[in-house]
Protein backbone atom coordinates (compact mmCIF):
# COMPACT_ATOMS: atom_id res chain seq x y z
CA MET A 1 -8.88 -29.27 2.00
CA LYS A 2 -6.91 -26.79 3.42
CA LYS A 3 -3.60 -27.72 4.71
CA GLU A 4 -3.21 -26.12 7.83
CA LYS A 5 0.15 -23.85 7.97
CA ILE A 6 2.78 -23.76 10.76
CA VAL A 7 3.56 -20.25 11.95
CA GLN A 8 5.51 -18.94 14.54
CA GLU A 9 3.84 -16.26 17.19
CA VAL A 10 6.92 -14.22 17.70
CA LYS A 11 6.40 -11.21 20.55
CA ASP A 12 8.04 -8.58 18.47
CA ILE A 13 10.35 -7.88 15.18
CA LYS A 14 13.70 -9.01 16.43
CA GLU A 15 12.44 -12.14 17.67
CA LEU A 16 11.07 -12.35 13.96
CA ILE A 17 14.15 -11.76 12.39
CA TYR A 18 16.56 -13.94 14.52
CA ASN A 19 13.84 -16.68 13.82
CA SER A 20 14.06 -15.94 9.83
CA ALA A 21 17.62 -16.21 9.81
CA LYS A 22 18.31 -19.34 11.78
CA THR A 23 15.29 -20.53 9.40
CA TYR A 24 16.40 -19.59 6.00
CA ALA A 25 19.68 -18.91 6.52
CA ASN A 26 20.94 -19.22 3.26
CA ASN A 27 17.57 -18.17 1.55
CA ILE A 28 18.24 -15.05 -0.75
CA ALA A 29 16.21 -11.87 1.50
CA PHE A 30 17.11 -9.03 -1.11
CA ILE A 31 18.26 -8.74 -4.20
CA VAL A 32 19.76 -5.72 -4.33
CA LYS A 33 21.08 -4.10 -8.41
CA HIS A 34 24.24 -2.09 -8.68
CA GLN A 35 24.15 -0.36 -12.29
CA GLU A 36 26.42 2.06 -13.54
CA GLY A 37 25.73 3.40 -17.56
CA LYS A 38 24.84 0.03 -19.09
CA ASN A 39 26.02 -2.44 -16.33
CA LYS A 40 24.57 -4.33 -13.98
CA THR A 41 25.41 -6.08 -11.41
CA TYR A 42 23.15 -8.38 -8.81
CA GLU A 43 24.09 -8.32 -5.06
CA ASN A 44 22.31 -11.16 -2.99
CA ILE A 45 21.86 -10.55 0.30
CA THR A 46 21.17 -14.01 2.12
CA TYR A 47 18.76 -14.13 5.46
CA LYS A 48 22.31 -14.76 7.76
CA MET A 49 24.19 -11.95 6.12
CA LEU A 50 20.85 -9.46 6.85
CA LEU A 51 21.10 -10.15 10.66
CA GLU A 52 24.75 -9.30 10.74
CA GLN A 53 24.68 -6.15 8.71
CA ILE A 54 21.55 -5.02 11.20
CA ASN A 55 23.85 -6.14 14.29
CA ALA A 56 26.66 -4.33 12.68
CA LEU A 57 24.59 -0.65 12.20
CA GLY A 58 23.12 -1.34 15.13
CA THR A 59 26.02 -1.50 17.36
CA LYS A 60 28.00 1.47 15.82
CA LEU A 61 24.79 3.61 16.05
CA TYR A 62 24.16 2.68 20.12
CA SER A 63 28.12 3.50 19.76
CA MET A 64 27.31 7.25 18.25
CA GLY A 65 24.65 7.60 21.34
CA PHE A 66 21.49 6.54 19.76
CA LYS A 67 20.64 4.52 22.02
CA ASN A 68 16.76 4.86 22.86
CA LYS A 69 16.74 8.02 20.60
CA ARG A 70 14.54 8.86 17.29
CA ILE A 71 16.13 7.68 13.80
CA ALA A 72 14.01 8.96 11.09
CA ILE A 73 14.37 7.35 6.85
CA LEU A 74 13.65 9.21 4.01
CA GLY A 75 13.83 8.05 0.44
CA ARG A 76 13.05 5.46 -2.19
CA ASN A 77 12.17 2.05 -1.89
CA ARG A 78 15.93 0.33 -1.86
CA TYR A 79 17.44 -2.29 0.65
CA GLU A 80 19.42 0.56 2.61
CA TRP A 81 15.83 1.94 3.83
CA ALA A 82 14.98 -1.82 4.95
CA LEU A 83 18.12 -2.20 6.48
CA GLY A 84 18.21 1.41 8.09
CA HIS A 85 14.32 0.59 9.27
CA LEU A 86 15.43 -3.25 10.51
CA THR A 87 18.18 -1.96 12.58
CA ASN A 88 15.51 0.59 14.11
CA LEU A 89 13.64 -1.89 15.21
CA LEU A 90 16.16 -4.55 16.48
CA GLY A 91 17.32 -1.77 18.59
CA GLY A 92 14.31 -0.48 19.98
CA ILE A 93 15.00 2.57 18.08
CA VAL A 94 12.07 4.65 17.15
CA SER A 95 12.30 4.76 13.66
CA ILE A 96 10.36 7.79 11.80
CA PRO A 97 9.45 6.80 7.89
CA LEU A 98 8.85 10.14 6.15
CA ASP A 99 7.27 10.46 2.59
CA LYS A 100 9.78 11.09 0.12
CA ASP A 101 7.77 13.54 -1.43
CA LEU A 102 7.14 15.97 1.05
CA GLN A 103 7.85 19.51 0.49
CA ILE A 104 11.00 20.95 2.34
CA ASP A 105 8.58 22.93 4.87
CA GLU A 106 6.58 19.73 5.43
CA LEU A 107 9.95 17.50 6.01
CA GLU A 108 10.86 20.22 8.77
CA ASN A 109 7.72 19.58 10.27
CA SER A 110 7.64 16.02 10.77
CA LEU A 111 11.39 16.61 12.07
CA ILE A 112 10.51 18.72 14.72
CA ARG A 113 7.26 17.23 15.79
CA SER A 114 8.61 13.89 15.60
CA LYS A 115 11.42 15.02 17.70
CA THR A 116 14.41 13.27 15.30
CA ASP A 117 17.62 12.94 16.63
CA ALA A 118 19.12 11.31 13.37
CA ILE A 119 17.92 10.36 9.50
CA TYR A 120 19.02 7.99 6.70
CA PHE A 121 18.72 9.73 3.62
CA ASP A 122 18.52 8.94 0.19
CA GLU A 123 21.44 11.26 -1.94
CA LYS A 124 18.65 12.02 -4.46
CA TYR A 125 16.83 14.09 -1.96
CA ILE A 126 20.63 15.60 -0.80
CA GLU A 127 19.28 19.06 -1.77
CA LYS A 128 15.88 18.97 0.73
CA ILE A 129 19.09 17.95 3.60
CA GLU A 130 21.04 20.29 3.02
CA GLU A 131 18.50 23.21 3.18
CA ILE A 132 17.15 21.90 6.45
CA LYS A 133 21.03 21.41 8.02
CA ASN A 134 21.05 25.11 7.23
CA ARG A 135 17.84 26.34 8.51
CA ASN A 136 19.42 24.36 12.09
CA ASN A 137 15.39 23.89 12.86
CA THR A 138 15.72 20.27 13.68
CA ASN A 139 16.73 18.69 16.77
CA VAL A 140 18.69 16.19 14.45
CA LYS A 141 22.39 15.66 15.08
CA GLU A 142 23.44 12.66 12.28
CA TYR A 143 22.52 12.59 8.66
CA ILE A 144 23.73 9.75 7.24
CA CYS A 145 23.46 8.93 3.47
CA MET A 146 22.17 5.52 2.02
CA SER A 147 25.15 5.90 -0.54
CA LYS A 148 28.51 6.83 -0.25
CA ILE A 149 29.05 10.50 -0.74
CA ALA A 150 31.67 13.45 -0.09
CA GLY A 151 30.62 15.07 3.86
CA TYR A 152 28.54 12.58 4.93
CA ASP A 153 28.62 9.49 7.09
CA ASP A 154 27.04 6.74 4.75
CA ILE A 155 25.28 3.34 6.01
CA HIS A 156 27.94 1.29 4.58
CA THR A 157 30.87 2.52 6.02
CA LEU A 158 28.43 3.10 9.87
CA LYS A 159 28.27 -0.58 8.84
CA GLU A 160 32.09 -1.72 8.02
CA GLU A 161 32.81 0.04 11.83
CA GLY A 162 30.42 -1.68 13.35
CA GLN A 163 31.66 -5.19 12.18
CA LYS A 164 34.84 -4.31 14.04
CA LEU A 165 33.42 -2.84 17.04
CA LEU A 166 31.28 -6.42 17.17
CA GLU A 167 34.91 -7.83 16.19
CA GLU A 168 36.14 -6.52 19.69
CA GLY A 169 33.01 -7.64 21.68
CA ASN A 170 31.03 -4.96 21.74
CA LYS A 171 27.90 -6.84 22.94
CA GLU A 172 25.26 -4.03 24.01
CA TYR A 173 23.09 -3.90 20.33
CA ILE A 174 22.99 -7.24 20.21
CA SER A 175 21.92 -7.58 23.84
CA ALA A 176 19.62 -4.90 23.81
CA LYS A 177 16.15 -6.04 24.88
CA ILE A 178 13.28 -4.53 23.31
CA ASP A 179 10.04 -3.40 24.50
CA GLU A 180 6.92 -4.84 22.41
CA ASN A 181 4.62 -2.66 24.06
CA ALA A 182 6.43 0.71 23.60
CA MET A 183 5.96 2.87 20.52
CA ASN A 184 9.03 1.82 18.37
CA ILE A 185 7.25 3.42 15.08
CA LEU A 186 6.11 6.98 14.00
CA LEU A 187 4.45 7.43 11.01
CA PHE A 188 2.41 10.83 9.92
CA THR A 189 -0.93 10.25 7.83
CA SER A 190 -1.33 11.61 4.38
CA GLY A 191 -1.88 15.46 3.91
CA THR A 192 0.01 18.59 5.02
CA THR A 193 2.39 17.60 7.88
CA SER A 194 0.70 20.74 10.26
CA LYS A 195 -2.88 19.22 10.30
CA SER A 196 -1.48 15.64 9.64
CA LYS A 197 -1.94 12.89 12.20
CA ALA A 198 1.16 11.09 14.15
CA VAL A 199 0.56 7.18 14.94
CA MET A 200 2.23 5.24 17.18
CA LEU A 201 2.64 1.52 17.20
CA SER A 202 4.50 -1.05 18.46
CA GLN A 203 6.44 -4.14 18.03
CA ARG A 204 3.65 -6.18 19.30
CA ASN A 205 1.04 -4.65 16.71
CA ILE A 206 3.14 -4.92 13.93
CA ALA A 207 4.05 -8.44 14.86
CA SER A 208 0.49 -9.73 15.74
CA ASN A 209 -0.57 -8.05 12.09
CA VAL A 210 2.12 -9.62 10.50
CA TYR A 211 1.49 -13.43 12.51
CA ALA A 212 -1.93 -12.76 11.58
CA MET A 213 -0.93 -12.34 7.53
CA GLN A 214 1.11 -15.45 7.68
CA ARG A 215 -1.87 -17.52 8.36
CA VAL A 216 -3.97 -16.13 6.17
CA GLU A 217 -2.21 -15.80 3.09
CA ASP A 218 -0.09 -18.18 0.68
CA ILE A 219 3.42 -16.76 1.29
CA ARG A 220 6.10 -19.46 0.53
CA SER A 221 9.63 -19.33 1.19
CA THR A 222 10.48 -19.90 -2.49
CA ASP A 223 8.32 -16.59 -3.27
CA SER A 224 9.62 -13.43 -4.82
CA ASN A 225 8.48 -10.43 -4.46
CA LEU A 226 8.69 -6.80 -6.00
CA ALA A 227 8.88 -3.93 -2.99
CA PHE A 228 6.71 -1.32 -5.49
CA LEU A 229 4.22 -0.14 -2.13
CA PRO A 230 5.89 2.84 -1.00
CA MET A 231 8.25 1.69 2.42
CA HIS A 232 6.91 4.37 4.26
CA HIS A 233 3.96 3.27 4.25
CA ILE A 234 2.62 0.94 6.70
CA PHE A 235 1.04 -1.52 3.86
CA GLY A 236 4.11 -1.17 2.51
CA SER A 237 6.53 -1.76 5.30
CA THR A 238 4.72 -4.23 6.98
CA CYS A 239 4.30 -6.40 3.96
CA LEU A 240 7.81 -6.42 3.76
CA ILE A 241 8.31 -7.83 7.10
CA VAL A 242 5.97 -10.25 6.22
CA MET A 243 8.07 -11.15 3.36
CA LEU A 244 11.01 -11.66 5.87
CA ALA A 245 8.46 -13.63 7.98
CA CYS A 246 7.87 -16.29 5.49
CA GLY A 247 11.68 -16.55 4.33
CA ALA A 248 10.97 -14.80 0.58
CA ARG A 249 13.48 -12.83 -1.68
CA THR A 250 12.60 -9.13 -2.01
CA SER A 251 13.59 -7.10 -4.80
CA PHE A 252 13.42 -3.30 -5.52
CA PRO A 253 11.91 -1.57 -8.50
CA ASP A 254 13.73 0.88 -11.06
CA GLY A 255 9.98 3.28 -10.93
CA LEU A 256 6.60 2.70 -12.61
CA ARG A 257 7.67 2.70 -16.24
CA TYR A 258 9.87 -0.81 -15.16
CA VAL A 259 6.94 -2.30 -13.06
CA ALA A 260 6.79 -4.79 -16.45
CA GLN A 261 10.26 -5.41 -17.11
CA ASN A 262 11.28 -5.72 -13.31
CA LEU A 263 8.95 -8.50 -12.69
CA LYS A 264 10.59 -10.62 -15.47
CA GLU A 265 14.04 -9.70 -14.19
CA TYR A 266 13.20 -10.79 -10.56
CA GLU A 267 10.88 -13.04 -11.82
CA VAL A 268 8.41 -11.69 -9.66
CA SER A 269 5.73 -14.23 -7.90
CA VAL A 270 3.79 -11.84 -5.89
CA PHE A 271 2.64 -8.74 -6.19
CA VAL A 272 1.58 -6.34 -3.21
CA GLY A 273 -0.32 -3.07 -4.60
CA VAL A 274 -2.68 -0.34 -4.75
CA PRO A 275 -6.21 -0.90 -6.92
CA LEU A 276 -4.55 1.42 -9.33
CA LEU A 277 -1.26 -0.21 -9.93
CA VAL A 278 -3.37 -3.88 -10.20
CA GLU A 279 -5.49 -2.84 -12.58
CA ALA A 280 -2.98 -1.32 -14.85
CA ILE A 281 -1.10 -4.38 -14.76
CA TYR A 282 -4.44 -6.21 -16.28
CA ASN A 283 -4.99 -3.41 -18.14
CA LYS A 284 -2.12 -3.83 -20.10
CA VAL A 285 -2.60 -7.66 -20.57
CA VAL A 286 -6.04 -7.47 -21.83
CA LYS A 287 -4.90 -4.51 -24.33
CA GLU A 288 -2.27 -6.94 -25.60
CA ILE A 289 -5.29 -9.68 -26.23
CA ASP A 290 -7.13 -6.89 -28.29
CA LYS A 291 -4.42 -5.86 -30.37
CA GLN A 292 -3.33 -9.15 -31.25
CA GLY A 293 -7.05 -9.96 -32.40
CA LYS A 294 -7.23 -12.72 -29.64
CA THR A 295 -10.28 -11.28 -27.30
CA LYS A 296 -13.12 -13.94 -28.41
CA LEU A 297 -10.17 -16.70 -28.89
CA ILE A 298 -9.08 -16.07 -24.65
CA LYS A 299 -12.99 -15.66 -23.71
CA SER A 300 -13.83 -19.46 -25.28
CA ALA A 301 -10.93 -20.94 -23.19
CA ILE A 302 -11.48 -19.23 -19.70
CA ARG A 303 -15.19 -20.70 -19.92
CA VAL A 304 -13.77 -24.04 -20.88
CA SER A 305 -11.00 -23.44 -17.70
CA ASN A 306 -13.76 -22.60 -15.77
CA PHE A 307 -15.75 -25.72 -16.49
CA LEU A 308 -12.73 -27.70 -16.17
CA LEU A 309 -12.62 -26.86 -12.08
CA LYS A 310 -15.81 -28.19 -11.28
CA PHE A 311 -14.02 -31.08 -12.15
CA HIS A 312 -11.15 -30.29 -10.33
CA ILE A 313 -9.09 -30.24 -13.12
CA ASP A 314 -6.85 -26.61 -13.59
CA ILE A 315 -4.95 -25.69 -16.64
CA ARG A 316 -5.64 -21.90 -16.29
CA ARG A 317 -1.56 -21.70 -16.06
CA LYS A 318 -0.60 -23.77 -19.01
CA LEU A 319 -3.63 -22.15 -20.92
CA PHE A 320 -2.83 -19.10 -20.68
CA LYS A 321 1.22 -18.83 -20.78
CA GLN A 322 1.52 -16.37 -23.39
CA LEU A 323 -0.37 -13.89 -20.75
CA ILE A 324 1.37 -15.23 -17.96
CA ASP A 325 4.51 -14.72 -19.15
CA GLN A 326 3.47 -10.76 -19.92
CA LEU A 327 3.44 -10.47 -16.23
CA GLY A 328 7.14 -12.29 -15.44
CA GLY A 329 5.84 -15.82 -16.04
CA LYS A 330 5.87 -16.69 -12.66
CA MET A 331 3.29 -14.52 -11.10
CA ARG A 332 1.10 -16.80 -9.02
CA PHE A 333 -0.27 -14.20 -6.49
CA VAL A 334 -1.79 -10.83 -6.25
CA ILE A 335 -2.16 -8.91 -2.80
CA SER A 336 -4.32 -5.63 -3.11
CA GLY A 337 -4.77 -2.82 -0.90
CA GLY A 338 -5.34 0.70 0.47
CA ALA A 339 -9.03 0.73 -1.57
CA PRO A 340 -11.49 -1.41 -3.14
CA LEU A 341 -10.57 -3.69 -6.45
CA ASP A 342 -12.84 -3.57 -9.16
CA PRO A 343 -14.49 -7.25 -8.80
CA LYS A 344 -13.99 -7.28 -12.98
CA ILE A 345 -9.88 -7.28 -12.54
CA GLN A 346 -10.04 -9.53 -9.48
CA LYS A 347 -12.28 -12.32 -11.77
CA GLY A 348 -9.41 -11.52 -14.42
CA PHE A 349 -6.64 -12.56 -12.76
CA ILE A 350 -8.21 -15.29 -10.82
CA ASP A 351 -9.22 -17.05 -14.41
CA LEU A 352 -5.83 -16.53 -15.96
CA GLY A 353 -4.38 -18.85 -12.64
CA ILE A 354 -3.30 -15.72 -10.21
CA ASN A 355 -4.93 -15.78 -7.52
CA VAL A 356 -6.14 -12.32 -6.00
CA ALA A 357 -6.64 -11.49 -2.55
CA GLN A 358 -7.99 -7.85 -1.30
CA GLY A 359 -7.26 -6.31 2.17
CA TYR A 360 -8.55 -3.81 4.07
CA GLY A 361 -6.54 -2.12 7.09
CA LEU A 362 -5.88 1.55 7.69
CA THR A 363 -2.21 2.82 9.18
CA GLU A 364 -4.03 2.91 12.73
CA THR A 365 -4.19 -0.86 12.57
CA SER A 366 -0.53 -1.56 11.33
CA PRO A 367 -2.39 -1.83 8.65
CA VAL A 368 -4.85 -5.25 8.31
CA ILE A 369 -8.10 -5.17 9.44
CA ALA A 370 -9.87 -7.73 7.65
CA ALA A 371 -8.60 -9.55 3.97
CA GLU A 372 -9.07 -12.34 1.55
CA ASN A 373 -7.39 -15.72 0.76
CA MET A 374 -8.21 -18.27 -1.40
CA TYR A 375 -10.21 -20.20 0.60
CA LYS A 376 -12.38 -17.81 1.39
CA SER A 377 -14.12 -14.71 -1.03
CA ARG A 378 -16.90 -13.20 -1.82
CA THR A 379 -16.93 -10.90 -5.04
CA GLY A 380 -17.66 -7.19 -3.81
CA SER A 381 -16.16 -8.10 -0.32
CA ILE A 382 -12.87 -6.85 1.59
CA GLY A 383 -13.04 -10.77 3.20
CA VAL A 384 -13.44 -11.55 7.18
CA PRO A 385 -11.73 -10.03 10.12
CA MET A 386 -8.39 -11.20 10.83
CA GLU A 387 -7.85 -14.42 13.26
CA ASN A 388 -6.78 -11.90 16.08
CA VAL A 389 -9.13 -9.01 15.05
CA THR A 390 -12.45 -7.83 16.42
CA VAL A 391 -14.60 -6.32 13.83
CA GLU A 392 -18.14 -4.94 14.80
CA ILE A 393 -20.78 -2.51 12.74
CA VAL A 394 -22.24 0.10 15.19
CA ASN A 395 -24.47 3.11 14.47
CA LYS A 396 -26.63 0.98 11.86
CA ASP A 397 -29.27 2.42 9.56
CA ASP A 398 -31.90 1.36 8.19
CA ASN A 399 -30.24 -0.82 5.19
CA GLY A 400 -27.86 -2.21 7.98
CA ILE A 401 -25.03 0.05 7.03
CA GLY A 402 -23.49 1.89 10.23
CA GLU A 403 -19.36 2.57 11.17
CA LEU A 404 -16.79 -0.29 11.75
CA ARG A 405 -15.15 -0.65 14.06
CA ALA A 406 -12.27 -3.35 15.30
CA LYS A 407 -10.81 -3.90 18.10
CA GLY A 408 -7.17 -6.27 18.65
CA PRO A 409 -3.67 -6.51 19.56
CA ASN A 410 -2.99 -4.39 16.23
CA VAL A 411 -4.58 -1.58 17.29
CA MET A 412 -2.10 1.52 17.55
CA LEU A 413 -1.40 2.77 21.28
CA GLY A 414 -2.60 6.51 19.92
CA TYR A 415 -2.12 9.91 17.93
CA TYR A 416 1.65 10.85 19.15
CA GLU A 417 0.58 14.11 21.60
CA ASN A 418 -2.56 14.60 20.59
CA GLU A 419 -4.92 12.90 22.83
CA GLU A 420 -8.14 15.12 21.69
CA GLU A 421 -8.40 13.01 18.46
CA THR A 422 -6.87 9.85 20.19
CA ASN A 423 -10.11 10.18 22.11
CA LYS A 424 -12.35 10.24 18.86
CA VAL A 425 -11.42 6.98 17.62
CA LEU A 426 -10.75 4.68 20.51
CA LYS A 427 -13.51 4.07 22.80
CA ASP A 428 -12.76 1.10 25.29
CA GLY A 429 -10.74 -0.27 23.43
CA TRP A 430 -12.15 -0.15 20.09
CA PHE A 431 -10.97 1.98 17.49
CA TYR A 432 -13.36 3.65 15.18
CA THR A 433 -12.56 3.28 11.13
CA GLY A 434 -14.81 6.39 9.79
CA ASP A 435 -15.29 3.80 7.16
CA LEU A 436 -18.95 2.73 6.37
CA GLY A 437 -20.32 -0.92 4.88
CA TYR A 438 -21.62 -3.82 6.54
CA ILE A 439 -21.04 -7.56 7.34
CA ASP A 440 -22.69 -10.45 5.98
CA LYS A 441 -24.70 -13.54 7.27
CA ASP A 442 -21.39 -15.88 7.19
CA GLY A 443 -19.35 -12.84 8.21
CA PHE A 444 -17.43 -11.07 5.17
CA ILE A 445 -17.08 -7.37 5.12
CA PHE A 446 -18.40 -4.95 2.64
CA ILE A 447 -17.07 -1.39 2.76
CA THR A 448 -19.66 1.23 1.19
CA GLY A 449 -17.55 4.29 1.31
CA ARG A 450 -15.59 7.07 3.70
CA GLN A 451 -18.12 8.22 6.10
CA LYS A 452 -16.62 11.45 5.41
CA ASN A 453 -16.76 10.97 1.61
CA MET A 454 -20.81 10.25 1.73
CA ILE A 455 -22.86 12.32 0.02
CA VAL A 456 -26.88 12.76 1.53
CA LEU A 457 -29.06 14.06 -0.49
CA LYS A 458 -32.26 16.42 0.30
CA ASN A 459 -34.75 13.31 0.86
CA GLY A 460 -32.44 11.69 3.43
CA LYS A 461 -30.76 9.23 0.91
CA LYS A 462 -27.00 8.59 0.92
CA ILE A 463 -24.36 7.74 -1.97
CA PHE A 464 -21.43 6.66 -1.61
CA PRO A 465 -18.82 8.07 -4.39
CA GLU A 466 -16.43 5.02 -4.53
CA GLU A 467 -19.48 2.84 -5.85
CA ILE A 468 -20.09 5.05 -8.50
CA GLU A 469 -16.80 5.80 -9.35
CA THR A 470 -15.83 1.83 -9.92
CA LEU A 471 -18.71 2.11 -12.83
CA VAL A 472 -17.64 5.11 -14.08
CA ASN A 473 -13.94 3.46 -14.29
CA ARG A 474 -14.94 0.45 -16.14
CA ILE A 475 -15.21 2.93 -19.57
CA ASP A 476 -12.48 2.09 -21.41
CA LEU A 477 -11.62 5.94 -22.55
CA ILE A 478 -11.58 6.71 -18.46
CA ASP A 479 -8.27 6.93 -16.54
CA GLU A 480 -9.60 7.68 -13.26
CA CYS A 481 -12.32 10.01 -11.56
CA MET A 482 -13.81 11.45 -8.69
CA VAL A 483 -17.65 11.44 -7.79
CA PHE A 484 -18.79 14.62 -5.76
CA GLY A 485 -22.35 16.32 -4.81
CA MET A 486 -22.65 20.23 -6.12
CA PRO A 487 -25.61 22.97 -5.32
CA ASP A 488 -28.48 22.10 -7.34
CA GLU A 489 -28.82 24.96 -9.09
CA VAL A 490 -32.87 24.89 -8.95
CA ASP A 491 -32.94 23.71 -4.90
CA LYS A 492 -29.55 25.43 -3.01
CA ASN A 493 -30.72 23.40 -0.29
CA ASP A 494 -30.09 19.70 -2.34
CA VAL A 495 -27.01 18.52 -4.59
CA LYS A 496 -26.96 16.77 -7.39
CA LEU A 497 -23.96 14.27 -8.58
CA SER A 498 -21.39 15.47 -10.14
CA VAL A 499 -17.97 13.83 -12.02
CA LYS A 500 -14.76 14.59 -12.52
CA VAL A 501 -12.60 12.57 -15.51
CA VAL A 502 -9.26 11.78 -16.46
CA TYR A 503 -9.83 10.30 -19.91
CA ASN A 504 -7.09 7.96 -21.59
CA LYS A 505 -5.30 9.71 -24.05
CA ASP A 506 -3.66 6.75 -26.05
CA GLU A 507 -6.93 4.76 -25.83
CA VAL A 508 -8.85 8.00 -27.36
CA LYS A 509 -6.31 8.26 -30.12
CA GLN A 510 -6.10 4.96 -31.12
CA LYS A 511 -10.22 4.81 -30.87
CA TYR A 512 -11.01 8.39 -32.56
CA GLY A 513 -7.83 9.76 -33.78
CA ASP A 514 -7.76 13.26 -34.09
CA ILE A 515 -11.12 14.28 -32.38
CA SER A 516 -11.95 17.34 -30.76
CA PHE A 517 -12.60 18.11 -27.19
CA ASP A 518 -16.26 18.58 -27.68
CA GLU A 519 -16.71 15.71 -29.35
CA LEU A 520 -14.88 14.37 -26.85
CA ARG A 521 -16.68 15.32 -23.58
CA ASP A 522 -20.20 13.95 -25.98
CA ILE A 523 -18.87 10.57 -26.77
CA ILE A 524 -18.19 9.86 -23.06
CA TRP A 525 -21.05 11.71 -21.41
CA ASP A 526 -23.25 9.35 -23.21
CA ARG A 527 -21.14 5.91 -22.41
CA ILE A 528 -21.50 7.22 -18.44
CA LYS A 529 -25.75 7.79 -19.26
CA ASN A 530 -25.46 4.52 -21.09
CA GLU A 531 -23.61 2.72 -19.36
CA VAL A 532 -23.46 4.19 -15.86
CA ASN A 533 -26.99 5.69 -14.99
CA THR A 534 -28.71 3.17 -16.44
CA THR A 535 -27.32 0.62 -13.53
CA VAL A 536 -28.29 2.57 -10.88
CA PRO A 537 -31.32 4.05 -9.23
CA ARG A 538 -32.40 7.60 -10.40
CA TYR A 539 -31.20 9.35 -7.36
CA LYS A 540 -27.48 8.10 -8.19
CA HIS A 541 -27.48 9.22 -11.65
CA ILE A 542 -24.28 11.67 -12.44
CA MET A 543 -25.82 15.02 -14.06
CA ASN A 544 -22.53 16.86 -14.61
CA MET A 545 -19.07 16.14 -16.03
CA ILE A 546 -15.90 17.66 -15.80
CA LEU A 547 -13.55 16.21 -18.39
CA THR A 548 -10.11 16.67 -18.28
CA ASP A 549 -6.79 14.93 -19.20
CA LYS A 550 -4.37 15.95 -15.92
CA GLU A 551 -4.14 13.18 -13.20
CA LEU A 552 -6.13 13.60 -9.82
CA ILE A 553 -4.09 15.19 -6.99
CA LYS A 554 -3.22 11.90 -4.88
CA THR A 555 -1.12 10.69 -1.83
CA THR A 556 1.70 9.15 -2.60
CA THR A 557 0.15 5.58 -1.88
CA LYS A 558 -2.42 6.71 -4.92
CA LYS A 559 -5.45 7.96 -2.64
CA VAL A 560 -6.98 10.83 -4.61
CA LYS A 561 -6.65 13.85 -2.46
CA ARG A 562 -10.33 14.55 -2.15
CA ASN A 563 -10.66 17.90 -0.50
CA GLU A 564 -7.90 19.11 -2.89
CA GLU A 565 -9.65 18.19 -6.24
CA LEU A 566 -12.81 19.81 -4.33
CA LYS A 567 -10.85 22.97 -3.95
CA GLU A 568 -9.76 23.22 -7.69
CA ILE A 569 -12.91 22.55 -8.87
CA LEU A 570 -14.93 24.97 -6.67
CA LYS A 571 -12.87 27.29 -7.71
CA ASN A 572 -13.91 27.50 -11.49
CA TYR A 573 -17.27 26.89 -10.15
């Protein structure tokens, strides 16, 4: 029977952090690794220390004139990023997280559009910062580095100076009142900044979503989280605050290559990621099983453990300890979001005793609209609506598929200085997501595809490329793919389904050695015809394939930029 969790609802992030500092005072909030050459040291930041550092930095920022101002953040996931963001929020300073991979022109444009007054920056991006300073086109008055470097103020020095001000009795920052309904976060959507929209979020938006996620997901004060998702993205930054609300500890990865090492290093028990990464982690375990020749043995063990589960006997984590050890040894919970996760991957983790929950949402909804948990899940579904969110399907077709819309305290204030685009998606309090799907009789939501990605054939039949992509990606020789419609050579008014496939070089070499490109193309094409086309209706058959070893163009959150890919394809069509 599900045990009801006691979760305190708060009106803003300031109240949330103060509550956590009181409840989990001596718990570790962040683990910070300092590395010089081969020497590593680890600094533990407790919840009490975190609040003290926030108040010190914030006090200094207020004394510098940044009360009611706007401060951007540019950098890798690291403690200073989190400290800067939280300091902004607890002082009512508008926080503007920026994509670290933006080109200089795009970065400059973002700073201008957002009317940014100051920026925290990672020393790794000093060249971009220097160029923007030299251009002198922005309103930025203060450049604050996340580390101590010559010629710039830095977070740590400002924090020390702020502590002195606190000791002298300066209470202005600590006493600051938060308007939970005002714009406090400004986030640019993916794409070039000239076309991207800037989403206005309030602390009430974020706090309500954090509360709902706490109620649904099994995050504990004893958990350890690896903050892999980019924190400039709403999914990454909101999940960070969820961990803080639950009293869990957070560490930061050294990079994609070191994920497996970091999982063990920090004894990670909760991992939040996009499907691409979640699937890569799982596939690494599967490949190791196959390499050791234990595939049949593991399958038999899974059948036995699943049988015992029917009698409430759970031996999975003991039985599969060696496999769980490959994931650091402590992994118990995976949260996947940003795109649908292959049901086979989800089941694979669960079979090992690692629970997996999918979430669904957008930047505009802070972000989570719906989610699964260990008590409410259904294969292929993204779960049920969060308890404070209402979801409806409108404009349904004959199959009951229509656009998903949502209403709740997590829905954005609107797009910054863009009333026209705001009015397109916000109507009578409802946010129209642009995603298509349906809700079953038990309330589980199923996403069939993105409205703008939908392929419509001449006969009126609709194809959601995401559905076909899931099937193609199951082929072990394939890393990723994108399904799209191309003009039919016979009937120019119709389209034929095509796919761009990125093959896995290591997998190909392991299976076939030195094989020619034409031979590989024939092998993969035959497998698509036999393993995909035979499983779907004829009108969904893939009729053409482009093969490459070059990674698809993606956003920093690993979503394929379909329009840019199509432009590249059409160049050679």
